[in-house]
Amino acid sequence: MYFKSKGKEHTEKTAELALLKAKETGIKTIVVASSKGKTLQAILDNPASRNLNIICVTHVHGYPTPGESEMSEEVRAEFMRQGVKIHTSSHVLSGAERGLSTKFGGAYPVEIIAHTLRMFGQGMKVCVEVAVMALDAGLIPYQQDIIAIGGTGRGADTSIIVRPGHASSIFDTYISEIICKP
């Protein structure tokens, strides 16, 4: 599915398509980017999400406000009660390198990877990033296809089937299917 525009208005359809693809392929693990919980809730509201291993990767603690998390502790706790694993850490495709490029200028290798993925849309970069982050955290199986969901700004507009590599071997990441994107 190719959306004619990007943005959060595609969140429900992206969730629906991702969950349908999970059923069709037998994939049991879904990694979803969600900063405040609305995209994750769209997944959980769909009955097809039952019995799936759902991992939520949030924005790093301190973004956009230093020392604060966008996802409240109450929201986080409720999702965890529902069996969702939540992961918050430095973003693998920005993190310290963004600090270097901001301070010193220039382009750094990991940022080049991120910008290359953005050629397919911001959501593609997010999907790869959250999949690698979840693998590095030990929350998803190694060398298995998973479904990743990401978006442009808020909400979700992109979903892929991906077999992530660890950050230390990021070029082992394999995207086998684009489920939807702008």
N, C-alpha and C. Protein backbone atom coordinates (compact mmCIF):
# COMPACT_ATOMS: atom_id res chain seq x y z
N MET A 1 0.86 -1.17 0.00
CA MET A 1 0.00 0.00 0.00
C MET A 1 0.90 1.22 0.00
N TYR A 2 0.63 2.12 -0.92
CA TYR A 2 1.35 3.38 -0.96
C TYR A 2 0.35 4.49 -0.66
N PHE A 3 0.58 5.23 0.43
CA PHE A 3 -0.27 6.35 0.79
C PHE A 3 0.10 7.55 -0.06
N LYS A 4 -0.87 8.38 -0.39
CA LYS A 4 -0.62 9.57 -1.20
C LYS A 4 0.01 10.70 -0.40
N SER A 5 -0.01 10.58 0.92
CA SER A 5 0.57 11.59 1.79
C SER A 5 1.24 10.89 2.96
N LYS A 6 1.98 11.65 3.73
CA LYS A 6 2.60 11.10 4.93
C LYS A 6 1.87 11.63 6.15
N GLY A 7 1.99 10.94 7.27
CA GLY A 7 1.45 11.50 8.49
C GLY A 7 0.56 10.59 9.31
N LYS A 8 0.17 11.13 10.46
CA LYS A 8 -0.56 10.36 11.47
C LYS A 8 -1.95 9.91 11.04
N GLU A 9 -2.51 10.52 9.99
CA GLU A 9 -3.84 10.10 9.55
C GLU A 9 -3.84 8.66 9.02
N HIS A 10 -2.67 8.10 8.81
CA HIS A 10 -2.56 6.71 8.30
C HIS A 10 -2.29 5.69 9.41
N THR A 11 -2.31 6.14 10.65
CA THR A 11 -1.95 5.25 11.77
C THR A 11 -2.84 4.01 11.83
N GLU A 12 -4.14 4.19 11.79
CA GLU A 12 -5.05 3.04 11.91
C GLU A 12 -4.86 2.06 10.75
N LYS A 13 -4.73 2.57 9.54
CA LYS A 13 -4.56 1.70 8.37
C LYS A 13 -3.21 0.99 8.43
N THR A 14 -2.17 1.70 8.87
CA THR A 14 -0.85 1.08 9.00
C THR A 14 -0.90 -0.06 10.00
N ALA A 15 -1.57 0.16 11.13
CA ALA A 15 -1.71 -0.90 12.14
C ALA A 15 -2.47 -2.09 11.56
N GLU A 16 -3.56 -1.80 10.88
CA GLU A 16 -4.38 -2.86 10.27
C GLU A 16 -3.56 -3.68 9.27
N LEU A 17 -2.84 -3.01 8.39
CA LEU A 17 -2.04 -3.71 7.37
C LEU A 17 -0.91 -4.52 7.99
N ALA A 18 -0.27 -3.97 9.00
CA ALA A 18 0.82 -4.69 9.67
C ALA A 18 0.31 -5.95 10.35
N LEU A 19 -0.82 -5.83 11.04
CA LEU A 19 -1.38 -6.99 11.73
C LEU A 19 -1.90 -8.04 10.75
N LEU A 20 -2.46 -7.61 9.65
CA LEU A 20 -2.89 -8.54 8.60
C LEU A 20 -1.69 -9.30 8.04
N LYS A 21 -0.60 -8.58 7.80
CA LYS A 21 0.61 -9.23 7.28
C LYS A 21 1.19 -10.19 8.31
N ALA A 22 1.11 -9.85 9.58
CA ALA A 22 1.58 -10.77 10.63
C ALA A 22 0.80 -12.07 10.58
N LYS A 23 -0.51 -11.96 10.41
CA LYS A 23 -1.35 -13.16 10.33
C LYS A 23 -1.02 -13.98 9.08
N GLU A 24 -0.88 -13.30 7.94
CA GLU A 24 -0.59 -13.98 6.67
C GLU A 24 0.75 -14.72 6.70
N THR A 25 1.75 -14.13 7.34
CA THR A 25 3.11 -14.68 7.31
C THR A 25 3.46 -15.53 8.52
N GLY A 26 2.66 -15.43 9.56
CA GLY A 26 2.98 -16.15 10.79
C GLY A 26 4.02 -15.44 11.65
N ILE A 27 4.35 -14.21 11.29
CA ILE A 27 5.30 -13.44 12.10
C ILE A 27 4.63 -13.09 13.43
N LYS A 28 5.33 -13.34 14.51
CA LYS A 28 4.74 -13.17 15.85
C LYS A 28 5.27 -11.95 16.60
N THR A 29 6.24 -11.22 16.01
CA THR A 29 6.85 -10.10 16.71
C THR A 29 6.65 -8.81 15.93
N ILE A 30 6.14 -7.80 16.64
CA ILE A 30 5.94 -6.48 16.05
C ILE A 30 6.65 -5.46 16.93
N VAL A 31 7.47 -4.64 16.28
CA VAL A 31 8.15 -3.55 16.96
C VAL A 31 7.54 -2.26 16.45
N VAL A 32 7.05 -1.45 17.38
CA VAL A 32 6.36 -0.21 17.00
C VAL A 32 7.02 0.99 17.67
N ALA A 33 7.26 2.02 16.89
CA ALA A 33 7.75 3.29 17.43
C ALA A 33 6.55 4.05 17.98
N SER A 34 6.65 4.48 19.23
CA SER A 34 5.56 5.27 19.82
C SER A 34 6.16 6.13 20.93
N SER A 35 6.00 7.43 20.81
CA SER A 35 6.60 8.32 21.80
C SER A 35 5.68 8.60 22.99
N LYS A 36 4.40 8.75 22.73
CA LYS A 36 3.45 9.03 23.81
C LYS A 36 2.48 7.88 24.06
N GLY A 37 2.39 6.95 23.10
CA GLY A 37 1.56 5.77 23.26
C GLY A 37 0.38 5.67 22.32
N LYS A 38 0.11 6.69 21.53
CA LYS A 38 -1.06 6.65 20.66
C LYS A 38 -0.92 5.63 19.53
N THR A 39 0.25 5.54 18.93
CA THR A 39 0.46 4.55 17.87
C THR A 39 0.40 3.14 18.44
N LEU A 40 1.02 2.94 19.58
CA LEU A 40 0.96 1.64 20.25
C LEU A 40 -0.49 1.27 20.57
N GLN A 41 -1.27 2.23 21.04
CA GLN A 41 -2.67 1.97 21.36
C GLN A 41 -3.45 1.54 20.13
N ALA A 42 -3.13 2.12 18.96
CA ALA A 42 -3.80 1.72 17.72
C ALA A 42 -3.54 0.25 17.41
N ILE A 43 -2.36 -0.23 17.72
CA ILE A 43 -2.05 -1.65 17.53
C ILE A 43 -2.85 -2.49 18.52
N LEU A 44 -2.82 -2.10 19.78
CA LEU A 44 -3.48 -2.89 20.82
C LEU A 44 -5.00 -2.89 20.70
N ASP A 45 -5.57 -1.84 20.11
CA ASP A 45 -7.02 -1.78 19.93
C ASP A 45 -7.53 -2.77 18.89
N ASN A 46 -6.64 -3.25 18.05
CA ASN A 46 -7.02 -4.20 17.01
C ASN A 46 -6.96 -5.62 17.59
N PRO A 47 -8.05 -6.37 17.55
CA PRO A 47 -8.05 -7.72 18.11
C PRO A 47 -6.98 -8.64 17.52
N ALA A 48 -6.51 -8.34 16.32
CA ALA A 48 -5.47 -9.17 15.69
C ALA A 48 -4.14 -9.07 16.40
N SER A 49 -4.00 -8.12 17.34
CA SER A 49 -2.73 -7.97 18.07
C SER A 49 -2.58 -8.98 19.20
N ARG A 50 -3.66 -9.70 19.53
CA ARG A 50 -3.59 -10.66 20.63
C ARG A 50 -2.59 -11.76 20.30
N ASN A 51 -1.90 -12.22 21.31
CA ASN A 51 -0.95 -13.32 21.20
C ASN A 51 0.29 -12.98 20.37
N LEU A 52 0.55 -11.70 20.17
CA LEU A 52 1.77 -11.29 19.47
C LEU A 52 2.76 -10.72 20.49
N ASN A 53 4.03 -10.84 20.18
CA ASN A 53 5.09 -10.24 20.97
C ASN A 53 5.22 -8.79 20.49
N ILE A 54 4.73 -7.85 21.30
CA ILE A 54 4.73 -6.45 20.88
C ILE A 54 5.74 -5.67 21.72
N ILE A 55 6.63 -5.00 21.02
CA ILE A 55 7.66 -4.19 21.64
C ILE A 55 7.45 -2.76 21.19
N CYS A 56 7.46 -1.84 22.13
CA CYS A 56 7.35 -0.42 21.83
C CYS A 56 8.71 0.21 22.08
N VAL A 57 9.21 0.94 21.08
CA VAL A 57 10.45 1.69 21.24
C VAL A 57 10.06 3.17 21.26
N THR A 58 10.46 3.84 22.33
CA THR A 58 10.09 5.24 22.52
C THR A 58 11.23 6.16 22.11
N HIS A 59 10.92 7.46 22.07
CA HIS A 59 11.99 8.44 21.93
C HIS A 59 12.92 8.31 23.14
N VAL A 60 14.14 8.67 22.96
CA VAL A 60 15.12 8.65 24.03
C VAL A 60 14.65 9.54 25.19
N HIS A 61 14.94 9.13 26.41
CA HIS A 61 14.64 9.96 27.57
C HIS A 61 15.44 11.25 27.42
N GLY A 62 14.77 12.38 27.53
CA GLY A 62 15.43 13.67 27.35
C GLY A 62 15.09 14.34 26.04
N TYR A 63 14.26 13.66 25.22
CA TYR A 63 13.80 14.27 23.98
C TYR A 63 12.31 14.52 24.08
N PRO A 64 11.80 15.64 23.78
CA PRO A 64 12.50 16.85 23.35
C PRO A 64 12.97 17.72 24.51
N THR A 65 12.56 17.36 25.74
CA THR A 65 12.93 18.16 26.91
C THR A 65 13.96 17.41 27.74
N PRO A 66 15.15 18.00 27.96
CA PRO A 66 16.17 17.32 28.76
C PRO A 66 15.63 16.86 30.12
N GLY A 67 15.95 15.62 30.46
CA GLY A 67 15.55 15.08 31.75
C GLY A 67 14.13 14.55 31.83
N GLU A 68 13.38 14.63 30.72
CA GLU A 68 11.99 14.18 30.76
C GLU A 68 11.73 13.13 29.68
N SER A 69 10.70 12.33 29.93
CA SER A 69 10.26 11.33 28.97
C SER A 69 8.92 11.74 28.40
N GLU A 70 8.74 11.56 27.10
CA GLU A 70 7.45 11.90 26.48
C GLU A 70 6.34 10.96 26.94
N MET A 71 6.66 9.69 27.16
CA MET A 71 5.64 8.73 27.60
C MET A 71 5.58 8.76 29.13
N SER A 72 4.44 9.10 29.65
CA SER A 72 4.30 9.19 31.11
C SER A 72 4.48 7.82 31.76
N GLU A 73 4.85 7.85 33.01
CA GLU A 73 5.03 6.60 33.75
C GLU A 73 3.71 5.84 33.86
N GLU A 74 2.60 6.55 33.96
CA GLU A 74 1.30 5.89 34.07
C GLU A 74 0.97 5.15 32.77
N VAL A 75 1.19 5.80 31.64
CA VAL A 75 0.93 5.17 30.34
C VAL A 75 1.85 3.98 30.14
N ARG A 76 3.12 4.17 30.44
CA ARG A 76 4.10 3.08 30.33
C ARG A 76 3.68 1.88 31.17
N ALA A 77 3.30 2.12 32.40
CA ALA A 77 2.90 1.04 33.31
C ALA A 77 1.67 0.30 32.79
N GLU A 78 0.71 1.04 32.25
CA GLU A 78 -0.50 0.40 31.72
C GLU A 78 -0.17 -0.50 30.53
N PHE A 79 0.68 -0.03 29.63
CA PHE A 79 1.07 -0.87 28.49
C PHE A 79 1.82 -2.12 28.96
N MET A 80 2.68 -1.96 29.93
CA MET A 80 3.42 -3.11 30.44
C MET A 80 2.48 -4.12 31.10
N ARG A 81 1.45 -3.62 31.77
CA ARG A 81 0.43 -4.53 32.36
C ARG A 81 -0.26 -5.34 31.27
N GLN A 82 -0.33 -4.78 30.06
CA GLN A 82 -0.96 -5.48 28.94
C GLN A 82 0.02 -6.40 28.22
N GLY A 83 1.25 -6.51 28.73
CA GLY A 83 2.22 -7.43 28.16
C GLY A 83 3.16 -6.83 27.14
N VAL A 84 3.08 -5.53 26.91
CA VAL A 84 3.97 -4.87 25.96
C VAL A 84 5.33 -4.66 26.63
N LYS A 85 6.39 -4.93 25.89
CA LYS A 85 7.74 -4.61 26.35
C LYS A 85 8.06 -3.22 25.82
N ILE A 86 8.55 -2.35 26.70
CA ILE A 86 8.86 -0.98 26.31
C ILE A 86 10.36 -0.75 26.44
N HIS A 87 10.93 -0.19 25.38
CA HIS A 87 12.37 0.06 25.35
C HIS A 87 12.64 1.53 25.06
N THR A 88 13.45 2.13 25.90
CA THR A 88 13.86 3.52 25.73
C THR A 88 15.37 3.58 25.85
N SER A 89 16.03 4.05 24.81
CA SER A 89 17.49 4.20 24.84
C SER A 89 17.90 5.17 23.75
N SER A 90 19.20 5.42 23.66
CA SER A 90 19.71 6.30 22.60
C SER A 90 19.35 5.70 21.25
N HIS A 91 19.00 6.55 20.33
CA HIS A 91 18.63 6.09 18.99
C HIS A 91 19.86 5.66 18.22
N VAL A 92 19.77 4.51 17.63
CA VAL A 92 20.93 3.91 16.98
C VAL A 92 21.38 4.69 15.75
N LEU A 93 20.47 5.40 15.09
CA LEU A 93 20.85 6.14 13.88
C LEU A 93 21.01 7.63 14.11
N SER A 94 21.16 8.01 15.36
CA SER A 94 21.48 9.41 15.65
C SER A 94 22.36 9.45 16.90
N GLY A 95 21.76 9.43 18.06
CA GLY A 95 22.50 9.37 19.31
C GLY A 95 23.70 10.30 19.36
N ALA A 96 24.84 9.75 19.72
CA ALA A 96 26.06 10.53 19.91
C ALA A 96 26.54 11.18 18.62
N GLU A 97 26.32 10.52 17.47
CA GLU A 97 26.79 11.12 16.21
C GLU A 97 26.09 12.43 15.92
N ARG A 98 24.81 12.53 16.25
CA ARG A 98 24.11 13.80 16.05
C ARG A 98 24.74 14.89 16.91
N GLY A 99 25.14 14.54 18.11
CA GLY A 99 25.82 15.50 18.97
C GLY A 99 27.12 15.98 18.36
N LEU A 100 27.86 15.05 17.74
CA LEU A 100 29.11 15.44 17.08
C LEU A 100 28.87 16.33 15.88
N SER A 101 27.91 15.97 15.04
CA SER A 101 27.68 16.77 13.84
C SER A 101 27.11 18.14 14.20
N THR A 102 26.31 18.20 15.25
CA THR A 102 25.77 19.48 15.69
C THR A 102 26.90 20.37 16.22
N LYS A 103 27.79 19.79 16.98
CA LYS A 103 28.89 20.55 17.59
C LYS A 103 29.96 20.94 16.58
N PHE A 104 30.33 19.98 15.70
CA PHE A 104 31.48 20.20 14.84
C PHE A 104 31.15 20.33 13.36
N GLY A 105 29.91 20.11 13.00
CA GLY A 105 29.52 20.17 11.59
C GLY A 105 29.97 18.93 10.85
N GLY A 106 29.57 18.83 9.60
CA GLY A 106 29.98 17.68 8.80
C GLY A 106 28.99 16.55 8.89
N ALA A 107 29.31 15.52 8.14
CA ALA A 107 28.47 14.32 8.09
C ALA A 107 29.26 13.15 8.67
N TYR A 108 28.58 12.33 9.41
CA TYR A 108 29.19 11.18 10.03
C TYR A 108 28.51 9.92 9.48
N PRO A 109 29.21 8.79 9.46
CA PRO A 109 28.69 7.59 8.78
C PRO A 109 27.30 7.14 9.19
N VAL A 110 26.98 7.13 10.47
CA VAL A 110 25.66 6.66 10.89
C VAL A 110 24.58 7.63 10.41
N GLU A 111 24.87 8.91 10.41
CA GLU A 111 23.90 9.87 9.89
C GLU A 111 23.69 9.69 8.39
N ILE A 112 24.71 9.26 7.69
CA ILE A 112 24.56 8.99 6.25
C ILE A 112 23.61 7.80 6.05
N ILE A 113 23.73 6.78 6.89
CA ILE A 113 22.79 5.65 6.82
C ILE A 113 21.36 6.16 7.04
N ALA A 114 21.18 6.98 8.07
CA ALA A 114 19.85 7.50 8.38
C ALA A 114 19.28 8.31 7.21
N HIS A 115 20.10 9.18 6.64
CA HIS A 115 19.62 10.00 5.52
C HIS A 115 19.34 9.15 4.28
N THR A 116 20.09 8.10 4.08
CA THR A 116 19.82 7.20 2.95
C THR A 116 18.47 6.52 3.14
N LEU A 117 18.20 6.02 4.33
CA LEU A 117 16.90 5.39 4.59
C LEU A 117 15.76 6.40 4.44
N ARG A 118 16.00 7.65 4.80
CA ARG A 118 14.96 8.68 4.64
C ARG A 118 14.61 8.91 3.17
N MET A 119 15.46 8.49 2.26
CA MET A 119 15.13 8.60 0.83
C MET A 119 13.88 7.78 0.52
N PHE A 120 13.61 6.77 1.34
CA PHE A 120 12.41 5.95 1.20
C PHE A 120 11.28 6.49 2.08
N GLY A 121 11.54 7.55 2.84
CA GLY A 121 10.58 8.16 3.75
C GLY A 121 11.08 8.08 5.18
N GLN A 122 10.69 9.06 5.97
CA GLN A 122 11.11 9.11 7.37
C GLN A 122 10.71 7.83 8.12
N GLY A 123 9.54 7.31 7.81
CA GLY A 123 9.08 6.10 8.49
C GLY A 123 9.98 4.90 8.24
N MET A 124 10.59 4.82 7.06
CA MET A 124 11.51 3.71 6.77
C MET A 124 12.72 3.77 7.70
N LYS A 125 13.26 4.97 7.89
CA LYS A 125 14.39 5.13 8.81
C LYS A 125 13.98 4.71 10.21
N VAL A 126 12.79 5.12 10.63
CA VAL A 126 12.31 4.80 11.97
C VAL A 126 12.12 3.29 12.12
N CYS A 127 11.55 2.64 11.12
CA CYS A 127 11.33 1.19 11.19
C CYS A 127 12.65 0.43 11.39
N VAL A 128 13.64 0.77 10.59
CA VAL A 128 14.94 0.10 10.71
C VAL A 128 15.54 0.40 12.07
N GLU A 129 15.49 1.64 12.48
CA GLU A 129 16.09 2.07 13.74
C GLU A 129 15.49 1.33 14.93
N VAL A 130 14.15 1.31 15.02
CA VAL A 130 13.53 0.67 16.20
C VAL A 130 13.74 -0.84 16.19
N ALA A 131 13.81 -1.44 15.00
CA ALA A 131 14.08 -2.89 14.93
C ALA A 131 15.48 -3.21 15.45
N VAL A 132 16.45 -2.43 15.04
CA VAL A 132 17.83 -2.64 15.51
C VAL A 132 17.92 -2.39 17.01
N MET A 133 17.28 -1.34 17.47
CA MET A 133 17.30 -1.04 18.91
C MET A 133 16.68 -2.17 19.73
N ALA A 134 15.56 -2.72 19.25
CA ALA A 134 14.90 -3.81 19.97
C ALA A 134 15.78 -5.06 19.98
N LEU A 135 16.46 -5.33 18.86
CA LEU A 135 17.38 -6.47 18.82
C LEU A 135 18.53 -6.27 19.78
N ASP A 136 19.13 -5.09 19.77
CA ASP A 136 20.25 -4.81 20.67
C ASP A 136 19.84 -4.92 22.14
N ALA A 137 18.57 -4.66 22.43
CA ALA A 137 18.08 -4.75 23.81
C ALA A 137 17.70 -6.18 24.20
N GLY A 138 17.80 -7.12 23.23
CA GLY A 138 17.45 -8.51 23.52
C GLY A 138 15.96 -8.77 23.59
N LEU A 139 15.16 -7.87 22.99
CA LEU A 139 13.70 -7.99 23.08
C LEU A 139 13.07 -8.72 21.91
N ILE A 140 13.84 -8.97 20.87
CA ILE A 140 13.33 -9.70 19.71
C ILE A 140 14.33 -10.79 19.34
N PRO A 141 13.87 -11.82 18.65
CA PRO A 141 14.76 -12.92 18.28
C PRO A 141 15.77 -12.51 17.21
N TYR A 142 16.97 -13.03 17.34
CA TYR A 142 18.05 -12.79 16.39
C TYR A 142 17.81 -13.59 15.11
N GLN A 143 18.07 -12.97 13.98
CA GLN A 143 17.97 -13.59 12.65
C GLN A 143 16.56 -14.10 12.33
N GLN A 144 15.55 -13.38 12.82
CA GLN A 144 14.18 -13.70 12.46
C GLN A 144 13.50 -12.46 11.92
N ASP A 145 12.62 -12.67 10.96
CA ASP A 145 11.84 -11.57 10.43
C ASP A 145 10.86 -11.07 11.49
N ILE A 146 10.73 -9.78 11.56
CA ILE A 146 9.75 -9.14 12.42
C ILE A 146 9.03 -8.08 11.58
N ILE A 147 7.97 -7.55 12.12
CA ILE A 147 7.30 -6.42 11.48
C ILE A 147 7.62 -5.19 12.30
N ALA A 148 8.06 -4.14 11.61
CA ALA A 148 8.35 -2.87 12.27
C ALA A 148 7.38 -1.81 11.76
N ILE A 149 6.99 -0.92 12.67
CA ILE A 149 6.04 0.15 12.35
C ILE A 149 6.64 1.47 12.81
N GLY A 150 6.65 2.44 11.91
CA GLY A 150 7.16 3.77 12.23
C GLY A 150 6.39 4.82 11.47
N GLY A 151 6.83 6.05 11.59
CA GLY A 151 6.10 7.11 10.92
C GLY A 151 6.89 8.37 10.70
N THR A 152 6.19 9.34 10.22
CA THR A 152 6.74 10.65 9.92
C THR A 152 6.17 11.62 10.94
N GLY A 153 6.99 12.09 11.86
CA GLY A 153 6.47 12.95 12.92
C GLY A 153 5.67 12.14 13.91
N ARG A 154 4.40 12.42 14.03
CA ARG A 154 3.51 11.68 14.93
C ARG A 154 2.79 10.59 14.16
N GLY A 155 2.35 9.55 14.87
CA GLY A 155 1.58 8.49 14.24
C GLY A 155 2.45 7.57 13.41
N ALA A 156 1.78 6.70 12.65
CA ALA A 156 2.48 5.71 11.83
C ALA A 156 1.99 5.79 10.39
N ASP A 157 2.93 5.67 9.46
CA ASP A 157 2.58 5.63 8.04
C ASP A 157 3.45 4.65 7.27
N THR A 158 4.26 3.88 7.99
CA THR A 158 5.18 2.96 7.33
C THR A 158 5.26 1.66 8.13
N SER A 159 5.28 0.54 7.41
CA SER A 159 5.49 -0.75 8.05
C SER A 159 6.26 -1.64 7.08
N ILE A 160 7.18 -2.42 7.64
CA ILE A 160 8.03 -3.30 6.83
C ILE A 160 8.22 -4.65 7.53
N ILE A 161 8.59 -5.63 6.73
CA ILE A 161 9.11 -6.88 7.28
C ILE A 161 10.63 -6.75 7.20
N VAL A 162 11.27 -6.93 8.32
CA VAL A 162 12.71 -6.70 8.41
C VAL A 162 13.36 -7.75 9.31
N ARG A 163 14.55 -8.13 8.96
CA ARG A 163 15.39 -8.99 9.81
C ARG A 163 16.56 -8.11 10.23
N PRO A 164 16.47 -7.48 11.40
CA PRO A 164 17.50 -6.53 11.78
C PRO A 164 18.82 -7.19 12.16
N GLY A 165 19.89 -6.47 11.87
CA GLY A 165 21.20 -6.82 12.41
C GLY A 165 21.41 -5.99 13.66
N HIS A 166 22.37 -6.37 14.46
CA HIS A 166 22.73 -5.55 15.61
C HIS A 166 23.34 -4.25 15.12
N ALA A 167 23.37 -3.25 15.96
CA ALA A 167 23.97 -1.97 15.58
C ALA A 167 25.41 -2.16 15.14
N SER A 168 26.11 -3.08 15.79
CA SER A 168 27.52 -3.32 15.45
C SER A 168 27.69 -4.02 14.11
N SER A 169 26.60 -4.53 13.56
CA SER A 169 26.62 -5.16 12.23
C SER A 169 25.39 -4.71 11.45
N ILE A 170 25.14 -3.41 11.45
CA ILE A 170 23.90 -2.86 10.90
C ILE A 170 23.68 -3.21 9.44
N PHE A 171 24.75 -3.42 8.68
CA PHE A 171 24.58 -3.75 7.27
C PHE A 171 24.13 -5.19 7.05
N ASP A 172 23.99 -5.96 8.12
CA ASP A 172 23.36 -7.28 8.03
C ASP A 172 21.84 -7.17 8.05
N THR A 173 21.31 -5.98 8.29
CA THR A 173 19.87 -5.76 8.30
C THR A 173 19.32 -6.03 6.90
N TYR A 174 18.21 -6.76 6.86
CA TYR A 174 17.60 -7.10 5.57
C TYR A 174 16.12 -6.75 5.59
N ILE A 175 15.72 -5.88 4.70
CA ILE A 175 14.31 -5.51 4.55
C ILE A 175 13.74 -6.38 3.43
N SER A 176 12.81 -7.26 3.78
CA SER A 176 12.29 -8.17 2.77
C SER A 176 10.98 -7.69 2.13
N GLU A 177 10.25 -6.80 2.84
CA GLU A 177 8.99 -6.34 2.25
C GLU A 177 8.59 -5.00 2.84
N ILE A 178 8.08 -4.14 2.00
CA ILE A 178 7.45 -2.91 2.44
C ILE A 178 5.95 -3.19 2.46
N ILE A 179 5.36 -3.13 3.63
CA ILE A 179 3.93 -3.37 3.78
C ILE A 179 3.15 -2.12 3.36
N CYS A 180 3.61 -0.97 3.86
CA CYS A 180 2.99 0.30 3.47
C CYS A 180 3.96 1.44 3.74
N LYS A 181 3.79 2.52 2.98
CA LYS A 181 4.60 3.72 3.15
C LYS A 181 3.96 4.83 2.35
N PRO A 182 4.32 6.08 2.69
CA PRO A 182 3.83 7.19 1.87
C PRO A 182 4.47 7.16 0.49
